Protein backbone atom coordinates (compact mmCIF):
# COMPACT_ATOMS: atom_id res chain seq x y z
CA MET A 1 -0.02 -0.01 0.03
CA THR A 2 1.22 3.46 -0.80
CA ASP A 3 1.78 5.99 2.13
CA LEU A 4 -1.24 7.98 2.89
CA GLN A 5 -1.61 11.11 0.87
CA PRO A 6 -3.61 14.33 1.88
CA ASP A 7 -7.03 15.01 0.73
CA TYR A 8 -7.63 16.31 -2.63
CA PRO A 9 -7.88 20.11 -2.70
CA ILE A 10 -11.11 21.82 -3.84
CA ARG A 11 -10.11 24.80 -5.89
CA ASN A 12 -12.15 27.88 -5.60
CA VAL A 13 -12.64 29.24 -9.11
CA THR A 14 -15.21 31.89 -8.41
CA ASP A 15 -12.89 34.75 -9.62
CA TRP A 16 -12.00 32.94 -12.86
CA ASP A 17 -13.32 34.65 -16.04
CA ALA A 18 -15.92 32.66 -18.01
CA VAL A 19 -15.02 32.47 -21.70
CA ASN A 20 -18.21 30.82 -22.93
CA ASP A 21 -20.55 27.89 -22.25
CA GLU A 22 -19.88 24.36 -23.35
CA PRO A 23 -22.92 23.03 -25.29
CA MET A 24 -21.76 19.34 -25.51
CA GLY A 25 -23.64 16.99 -23.07
CA THR A 26 -26.55 17.36 -20.74
CA LYS A 27 -24.80 18.97 -17.68
CA PRO A 28 -24.07 22.59 -17.07
CA LYS A 29 -20.54 23.43 -18.12
CA TYR A 30 -18.55 26.55 -18.47
CA TRP A 31 -15.09 27.17 -20.17
CA LEU A 32 -13.23 29.37 -17.59
CA ARG A 33 -9.69 31.05 -17.95
CA PRO A 34 -7.61 31.32 -14.88
CA PRO A 35 -5.06 34.26 -14.30
CA VAL A 36 -2.55 32.13 -16.43
CA ASP A 37 -3.30 31.78 -20.23
CA GLU A 38 -5.10 28.27 -20.35
CA ARG A 39 -8.58 27.09 -20.44
CA TRP A 40 -10.31 24.78 -17.84
CA LEU A 41 -14.04 23.38 -18.32
CA PHE A 42 -16.01 23.80 -15.00
CA LYS A 43 -18.79 21.20 -14.71
CA LYS A 44 -21.21 22.10 -12.05
CA LYS A 45 -22.59 19.08 -10.03
CA HIS A 46 -25.52 17.93 -12.09
CA ARG A 47 -28.27 17.52 -9.64
CA PRO A 48 -28.80 17.18 -5.79
CA ASN A 49 -29.00 13.35 -5.75
CA SER A 50 -25.92 12.87 -7.96
CA ASP A 51 -22.26 13.01 -6.72
CA ASP A 52 -20.76 13.36 -10.07
CA ASP A 53 -17.98 15.65 -8.90
CA TRP A 54 -16.05 13.05 -6.73
CA SER A 55 -16.93 10.26 -9.11
CA GLU A 56 -15.21 12.21 -11.97
CA LYS A 57 -12.19 12.99 -9.81
CA ILE A 58 -11.83 9.41 -8.49
CA ALA A 59 -12.19 8.08 -12.00
CA ALA A 60 -9.41 10.18 -13.36
CA GLU A 61 -7.09 9.15 -10.54
CA LEU A 62 -7.91 5.55 -11.14
CA ALA A 63 -7.25 5.91 -14.81
CA GLY A 64 -3.68 7.03 -14.02
CA LEU A 65 -3.37 4.01 -11.75
CA LEU A 66 -4.26 1.73 -14.71
CA GLY A 67 -2.07 3.62 -17.15
CA ILE A 68 -4.81 5.08 -19.31
CA PRO A 69 -4.25 8.54 -20.86
CA HIS A 70 -6.81 10.82 -19.33
CA ALA A 71 -8.13 14.35 -18.73
CA THR A 72 -6.66 16.37 -15.86
CA VAL A 73 -9.45 16.73 -13.31
CA ASP A 74 -9.62 18.82 -10.09
CA LEU A 75 -12.39 19.12 -7.48
CA ALA A 76 -13.78 22.73 -7.57
CA ARG A 77 -16.25 25.23 -6.33
CA ARG A 78 -17.74 28.29 -8.25
CA HIS A 79 -20.05 30.75 -6.53
CA GLY A 80 -20.68 28.07 -3.87
CA ASN A 81 -21.52 25.45 -6.34
CA ARG A 82 -19.73 22.02 -6.16
CA GLY A 83 -18.27 20.74 -9.55
CA ILE A 84 -15.04 19.64 -11.22
CA LEU A 85 -12.53 21.36 -13.42
CA SER A 86 -11.17 19.55 -16.53
CA ARG A 87 -8.24 21.03 -18.44
CA ASP A 88 -8.67 21.72 -22.09
CA LEU A 89 -7.47 18.49 -23.73
CA VAL A 90 -6.65 20.17 -27.18
CA ALA A 91 -4.43 22.75 -25.55
CA GLU A 92 -2.78 20.18 -23.01
CA CYS A 93 -2.13 17.63 -25.94
CA LYS A 94 -0.85 20.42 -28.28
CA ALA A 95 -3.46 19.50 -30.97
CA GLU A 96 -5.56 21.62 -33.38
CA GLU A 97 -8.89 20.10 -32.81
CA LEU A 98 -10.98 17.61 -30.87
CA ILE A 99 -13.17 15.50 -33.21
CA HIS A 100 -15.98 13.56 -31.30
CA GLY A 101 -16.88 10.07 -32.20
CA ASN A 102 -20.17 10.85 -33.69
CA SER A 103 -18.59 13.26 -36.21
CA LEU A 104 -16.13 10.47 -37.19
CA LEU A 105 -18.76 7.77 -37.41
CA VAL A 106 -21.15 9.90 -39.69
CA GLU A 107 -18.33 10.16 -42.21
CA ALA A 108 -18.36 6.49 -42.94
CA ASP A 109 -22.20 6.31 -42.76
CA PRO A 110 -24.17 9.45 -43.77
CA ASP A 111 -27.30 7.62 -42.19
CA TYR A 112 -25.53 7.34 -38.69
CA PRO A 113 -27.62 9.14 -36.08
CA ALA A 114 -24.94 11.39 -35.10
CA GLY A 115 -27.49 13.83 -33.26
CA ASP A 116 -28.65 11.28 -30.85
CA ILE A 117 -26.69 10.45 -27.69
CA TYR A 118 -28.33 7.39 -26.12
CA ARG A 119 -30.02 4.24 -27.45
CA VAL A 120 -27.79 4.53 -30.65
CA ALA A 121 -27.73 0.82 -31.83
CA HIS A 122 -25.51 1.75 -34.62
CA HIS A 123 -22.65 2.45 -31.97
CA THR A 124 -20.74 -0.74 -32.13
CA ILE A 125 -17.16 -1.88 -31.72
CA GLU A 126 -16.83 -2.81 -35.44
CA ARG A 127 -17.88 0.74 -36.60
CA ILE A 128 -15.62 2.40 -33.98
CA PHE A 129 -12.62 0.37 -35.17
CA SER A 130 -13.39 1.01 -38.82
CA ALA A 131 -13.55 4.56 -38.13
CA PHE A 132 -10.09 4.57 -36.56
CA SER A 133 -8.75 2.83 -39.73
CA ALA A 134 -10.34 5.24 -42.07
CA ARG A 135 -8.46 8.12 -40.55
CA SER A 136 -5.31 6.13 -39.74
CA VAL A 137 -5.78 7.14 -36.04
CA GLY A 138 -2.77 6.49 -34.11
CA LEU A 139 -1.72 6.60 -30.31
CA PRO A 140 -1.47 9.79 -28.28
CA LEU A 141 1.60 11.72 -29.22
CA GLY A 142 4.50 11.82 -26.71
CA THR A 143 3.16 8.89 -24.83
CA ASP A 144 5.16 5.57 -24.52
CA PHE A 145 3.27 2.37 -24.43
CA ALA A 146 3.95 -1.38 -23.98
CA PRO A 147 4.71 -3.41 -27.20
CA GLU A 148 1.21 -4.90 -26.94
CA ILE A 149 -0.36 -1.48 -27.64
CA VAL A 150 0.38 -0.73 -31.17
CA GLU A 151 -2.70 1.16 -32.52
CA ALA A 152 -5.66 3.25 -31.43
CA ARG A 153 -7.94 0.29 -31.08
CA ASP A 154 -5.49 -1.38 -28.62
CA LEU A 155 -5.73 1.60 -26.41
CA PHE A 156 -9.44 1.75 -26.84
CA VAL A 157 -9.60 -1.81 -25.46
CA GLY A 158 -7.87 -0.29 -22.29
CA TYR A 159 -10.58 2.43 -22.19
CA LEU A 160 -13.33 -0.26 -22.20
CA LEU A 161 -11.60 -2.23 -19.54
CA PHE A 162 -11.50 0.88 -17.44
CA ASP A 163 -15.20 1.48 -17.88
CA ALA A 164 -15.84 -2.14 -16.69
CA TRP A 165 -13.77 -1.39 -13.64
CA ILE A 166 -15.33 1.83 -12.57
CA GLY A 167 -18.82 0.94 -13.84
CA ASN A 168 -18.74 3.71 -16.50
CA THR A 169 -22.13 3.62 -18.25
CA ASP A 170 -21.53 6.70 -20.45
CA ARG A 171 -19.03 5.80 -23.17
CA HIS A 172 -21.43 7.15 -25.96
CA HIS A 173 -20.18 8.66 -29.20
CA GLU A 174 -19.45 12.10 -27.78
CA ASN A 175 -17.56 10.54 -24.88
CA TRP A 176 -14.61 9.30 -26.91
CA ALA A 177 -12.80 11.32 -29.53
CA ILE A 178 -9.74 11.64 -31.69
CA LEU A 179 -7.30 14.70 -31.79
CA LYS A 180 -6.23 16.29 -34.99
CA TYR A 181 -2.65 17.49 -35.31
CA ALA A 182 -0.69 19.53 -37.95
CA GLY A 183 -0.14 17.72 -41.23
CA ASP A 184 -3.45 15.82 -41.03
CA ARG A 185 -2.20 13.54 -38.41
CA TYR A 186 -4.63 11.86 -36.06
CA ALA A 187 -4.50 10.24 -32.60
CA LEU A 188 -6.98 8.83 -30.06
CA SER A 189 -7.80 11.54 -27.46
CA PRO A 190 -7.03 10.70 -23.81
CA SER A 191 -10.26 9.34 -22.15
CA TYR A 192 -12.43 11.89 -20.44
CA ASP A 193 -15.89 12.53 -18.85
CA HIS A 194 -16.20 9.48 -16.42
CA ALA A 195 -18.70 11.03 -14.12
CA SER A 196 -21.34 8.46 -14.66
CA SER A 197 -19.63 5.64 -12.78
CA LEU A 198 -18.96 4.30 -9.29
CA GLY A 199 -22.69 4.34 -8.15
CA HIS A 200 -22.60 8.20 -8.19
CA ASN A 201 -26.39 8.55 -8.11
CA VAL A 202 -27.09 5.93 -5.42
CA GLN A 203 -27.95 7.57 -2.05
CA ASP A 204 -26.19 6.90 1.17
CA ASP A 205 -29.22 4.98 2.69
CA GLU A 206 -29.20 2.44 -0.21
CA ARG A 207 -25.37 2.35 -0.05
CA ALA A 208 -25.59 1.38 3.62
CA GLU A 209 -28.34 -1.23 2.94
CA ARG A 210 -26.30 -2.88 0.12
CA LEU A 211 -23.10 -2.84 2.35
CA MET A 212 -25.07 -4.72 5.04
CA THR A 213 -27.57 -6.90 3.42
CA ARG A 214 -27.34 -10.76 3.25
CA ASP A 215 -29.36 -10.90 0.08
CA ARG A 216 -27.03 -11.79 -2.65
CA TYR A 217 -29.13 -9.91 -5.17
CA ARG A 218 -28.93 -6.72 -3.43
CA GLN A 219 -25.14 -7.09 -2.50
CA ILE A 220 -22.69 -4.75 -4.09
CA ALA A 221 -21.22 -7.40 -6.36
CA ALA A 222 -24.59 -7.84 -7.85
CA TYR A 223 -25.16 -4.18 -8.24
CA ALA A 224 -21.79 -3.72 -9.92
CA ALA A 225 -22.29 -6.51 -12.29
CA LYS A 226 -25.31 -4.76 -13.92
CA ALA A 227 -23.45 -1.89 -15.49
CA LYS A 228 -24.35 -1.29 -19.11
CA SER A 229 -22.18 0.36 -21.62
CA ALA A 230 -23.37 2.77 -24.36
CA ILE A 231 -22.12 0.27 -26.96
CA TYR A 232 -24.13 -2.43 -28.83
CA ARG A 233 -23.18 -5.77 -30.37
CA ASP A 234 -25.22 -5.17 -33.60
CA ARG A 235 -27.28 -2.34 -35.04
CA ASP A 236 -30.49 -4.47 -34.68
CA ASP A 237 -30.14 -4.91 -30.95
CA ARG A 238 -32.49 -3.14 -28.75
CA LYS A 239 -30.18 -2.91 -25.67
CA PRO A 240 -26.65 -2.17 -25.21
CA VAL A 241 -24.06 -4.75 -24.07
CA SER A 242 -22.72 -4.74 -20.45
CA THR A 243 -19.42 -3.01 -19.81
CA ASP A 244 -17.81 -6.50 -19.60
CA GLU A 245 -18.97 -7.61 -22.83
CA ALA A 246 -18.02 -4.23 -24.48
CA PHE A 247 -14.47 -4.96 -23.31
CA THR A 248 -14.49 -8.63 -24.54
CA LEU A 249 -16.03 -7.81 -28.05
CA ALA A 250 -13.04 -5.32 -28.45
CA CYS A 251 -10.67 -8.11 -27.42
CA VAL A 252 -11.72 -10.36 -30.30
CA PRO A 253 -9.46 -8.58 -32.87
CA CYS A 254 -7.15 -7.24 -30.12
CA ARG A 255 -6.52 -10.19 -27.88
CA ALA A 256 -2.95 -9.34 -27.04
CA ALA A 257 -4.04 -5.82 -25.88
CA GLY A 258 -6.91 -7.39 -23.82
CA VAL A 259 -4.43 -9.65 -21.98
CA TYR A 260 -2.17 -6.69 -21.49
CA TRP A 261 -4.75 -4.49 -19.83
CA LEU A 262 -6.00 -7.25 -17.74
CA ASP A 263 -2.61 -7.67 -16.36
CA ARG A 264 -2.23 -3.98 -15.65
CA LEU A 265 -5.54 -4.40 -13.56
CA ARG A 266 -4.28 -7.58 -11.81
CA ARG A 267 -1.21 -5.61 -10.71
CA ILE A 268 -3.12 -3.04 -9.05
CA ALA A 269 -3.59 -3.49 -5.15
CA ASP A 270 -7.09 -2.94 -3.71
CA ASP A 271 -5.40 -0.81 -1.05
CA ASP A 272 -4.09 1.51 -3.84
CA ALA A 273 -7.56 2.06 -5.20
CA THR A 274 -9.11 2.40 -1.80
CA ASP A 275 -6.52 5.15 -1.08
CA ILE A 276 -7.52 7.13 -4.08
CA VAL A 277 -11.09 7.02 -2.85
CA ARG A 278 -10.10 7.85 0.77
CA ARG A 279 -8.49 11.15 -0.39
CA VAL A 280 -11.79 12.78 -1.33
CA PRO A 281 -12.60 15.44 1.28
CA GLN A 282 -15.20 14.43 3.86
CA GLU A 283 -17.25 17.37 3.20
CA ILE A 284 -18.25 16.03 -0.24
CA MET A 285 -18.04 12.27 0.15
CA SER A 286 -19.38 10.31 3.15
CA ASP A 287 -17.60 7.33 4.73
CA VAL A 288 -20.40 5.13 3.61
CA ALA A 289 -20.03 6.26 -0.06
CA LYS A 290 -16.33 5.61 0.25
CA ARG A 291 -16.89 2.08 1.46
CA PHE A 292 -19.47 1.51 -1.30
CA VAL A 293 -17.13 2.67 -3.97
CA SER A 294 -14.20 0.82 -2.74
CA GLN A 295 -16.31 -2.34 -2.68
CA ILE A 296 -17.60 -1.65 -6.27
CA LEU A 297 -14.02 -1.56 -7.53
CA GLN A 298 -13.09 -4.65 -5.62
CA ALA A 299 -16.10 -6.49 -7.01
CA ASN A 300 -15.49 -5.40 -10.60
CA ARG A 301 -11.73 -6.10 -10.43
CA THR A 302 -12.43 -9.69 -9.03
CA ARG A 303 -15.10 -10.39 -11.75
CA LEU A 304 -13.02 -8.92 -14.57
CA LEU A 305 -9.95 -11.09 -13.64
CA THR A 306 -11.87 -14.15 -14.09
CA LEU A 307 -12.43 -13.51 -17.88
CA THR A 308 -11.14 -15.77 -20.44
CA LEU A 309 -10.15 -13.95 -23.64
């Protein structure tokens, strides 16, 4: 176990200038500019019964633990409102443009429902990987990867394993992207927007009940195993696949990458993940929520490590 680290700071950004609103997604978001010349996206806590600020911060730290390139995220307050800051990926990666998945997918299929976000059965692993091939999408620039991670789809397999570990149900076609660089070079963007994970919208009374119950259908392992992705097996399907199945489907053409990412997960100690959760300040995350999230991570990790690719 690592030495205990202090709580994550909560940055007060009330005095930062608002540059403009961010229209993407369903949550209130504002691009802010701190005293130095850079942009950060402030995402206000979505609703009273959702803890999507600490879930996004914890997810970003866990992504780093797994070795996934990810957006830089800090806890924040603005005019007394809880939220998070996410650093501008385009500027941080020294790119020219961020191109969301739906824009990429509609290039290959003009009938692709790019304007929808959820319940898009066209959003399949096959289409995503084909879109990478069509643009010759590579790996993030300036980042070293293991020999098993050769191309964008190998890294995307890691994103899907990460989703299964944290129970991220929101990998829709605006929550993955590629970066455009000078000379028409393209690379898979670091992963971002992981707020819809870790049981963020479960209330503490239910968390406590699930922690204590002897009913195996109500226990945390059962709850965690139900997570659905925003990816479909086939365009004729009515429901998306589970986060586990999204990962295993992507491993069919990328088995070596899948084995690599599972080994990365195997090497992570439960205590290291628990310490990341522990560092969220008490004022925004209760002890029962921390125990609940830690057990979700343990249950998902245990289940994933039994997969046979």
